[in-house]
Amino acid sequence: MTIKPREYFINFSTVTDRASLHGKLKACLGFPDWYGANLDALYDCLTDLGPSVISLSGMRWLDPLGDYGRKMMQVFRDAEADARDLTIVVSD
């Protein structure tokens, strides 16, 4: 039996800082209350999602986060590589 992956959509256009970034991730991905709002916790939660497709948009809005935004995207790529049932789609 094949399990249909859950689909998530995240638009980063309202992100202004790290706090709003992690708030957006927690809300859109349904992370638990204990989510640590850091990149290590992001990786842990992403790899625990189960079969999922996460579509990311509004990427240019991450520019003000500089290196942190780039590191976050690397976490998404690393989680996708390590979790066999996670797919990340970047639309812009």
Protein backbone atom coordinates (compact mmCIF):
# COMPACT_ATOMS: atom_id res chain seq x y z
CA MET A 1 0.00 0.00 0.00
CA THR A 2 1.33 3.43 -0.98
CA ILE A 3 0.88 6.28 1.47
CA LYS A 4 -0.08 9.56 -0.18
CA PRO A 5 2.34 12.29 0.93
CA ARG A 6 1.01 15.30 2.80
CA GLU A 7 1.39 18.56 0.92
CA TYR A 8 2.57 21.78 2.55
CA PHE A 9 2.87 25.25 1.03
CA ILE A 10 5.06 27.95 2.54
CA ASN A 11 5.21 31.49 1.18
CA PHE A 12 8.00 33.47 2.80
CA SER A 13 6.71 36.89 1.66
CA THR A 14 5.74 37.90 5.21
CA VAL A 15 9.05 36.88 6.80
CA THR A 16 10.98 39.81 8.24
CA ASP A 17 13.37 38.18 10.72
CA ARG A 18 14.34 34.84 12.28
CA ALA A 19 11.40 34.87 14.69
CA SER A 20 8.85 35.37 11.92
CA LEU A 21 10.65 32.75 9.80
CA HIS A 22 10.41 30.09 12.48
CA GLY A 23 6.86 31.13 13.36
CA LYS A 24 5.88 30.66 9.71
CA LEU A 25 7.60 27.26 9.54
CA LYS A 26 5.95 26.06 12.75
CA ALA A 27 2.49 27.19 11.66
CA CYS A 28 2.66 25.94 8.07
CA LEU A 29 4.25 22.58 8.86
CA GLY A 30 2.34 21.89 12.06
CA PHE A 31 5.45 21.58 14.20
CA PRO A 32 4.89 20.72 17.87
CA ASP A 33 4.89 23.29 20.68
CA TRP A 34 8.36 22.17 21.71
CA TYR A 35 9.82 23.18 18.31
CA GLY A 36 13.08 24.93 19.21
CA ALA A 37 12.92 27.66 16.52
CA ASN A 38 16.46 27.01 15.31
CA LEU A 39 18.02 25.23 12.36
CA ASP A 40 18.82 22.01 14.26
CA ALA A 41 15.19 21.75 15.40
CA LEU A 42 14.05 22.48 11.83
CA TYR A 43 16.09 19.56 10.52
CA ASP A 44 14.76 17.23 13.23
CA CYS A 45 11.14 18.17 12.54
CA LEU A 46 11.53 17.98 8.76
CA THR A 47 13.00 14.50 8.89
CA ASP A 48 10.18 13.37 11.22
CA LEU A 49 7.30 14.60 8.99
CA GLY A 50 6.81 11.34 7.15
CA PRO A 51 5.80 11.27 3.49
CA SER A 52 5.59 14.94 2.55
CA VAL A 53 5.97 17.41 -0.29
CA ILE A 54 6.88 20.93 0.83
CA SER A 55 6.51 23.72 -1.73
CA LEU A 56 8.45 26.89 -0.95
CA SER A 57 7.76 30.26 -2.55
CA GLY A 58 8.59 33.91 -1.91
CA MET A 59 12.25 33.06 -1.58
CA ARG A 60 13.44 36.58 -2.40
CA TRP A 61 11.91 37.68 0.91
CA LEU A 62 14.61 35.67 2.67
CA ASP A 63 17.33 37.99 1.31
CA PRO A 64 17.31 40.23 4.42
CA LEU A 65 18.14 37.15 6.51
CA GLY A 66 21.40 36.84 4.60
CA ASP A 67 23.54 33.87 5.60
CA TYR A 68 20.82 32.53 7.92
CA GLY A 69 18.38 32.23 5.02
CA ARG A 70 20.98 30.38 2.96
CA LYS A 71 21.70 28.03 5.87
CA MET A 72 17.98 27.37 6.27
CA MET A 73 17.74 26.37 2.61
CA GLN A 74 20.69 24.02 3.13
CA VAL A 75 18.79 22.42 6.02
CA PHE A 76 15.85 21.81 3.67
CA ARG A 77 18.21 20.23 1.11
CA ASP A 78 19.94 18.10 3.77
CA ALA A 79 16.62 16.91 5.21
CA GLU A 80 15.39 16.02 1.72
CA ALA A 81 18.56 13.99 1.09
CA ASP A 82 18.35 12.20 4.44
CA ALA A 83 14.59 11.54 4.64
CA ARG A 84 13.62 9.16 1.84
CA ASP A 85 9.99 10.35 1.82
CA LEU A 86 10.50 14.13 1.82
CA THR A 87 10.40 16.26 -1.33
CA ILE A 88 11.20 19.97 -1.39
CA VAL A 89 9.96 22.09 -4.32
CA VAL A 90 11.22 25.66 -4.73
CA SER A 91 9.16 27.81 -7.07
CA ASP A 92 11.06 31.12 -6.90
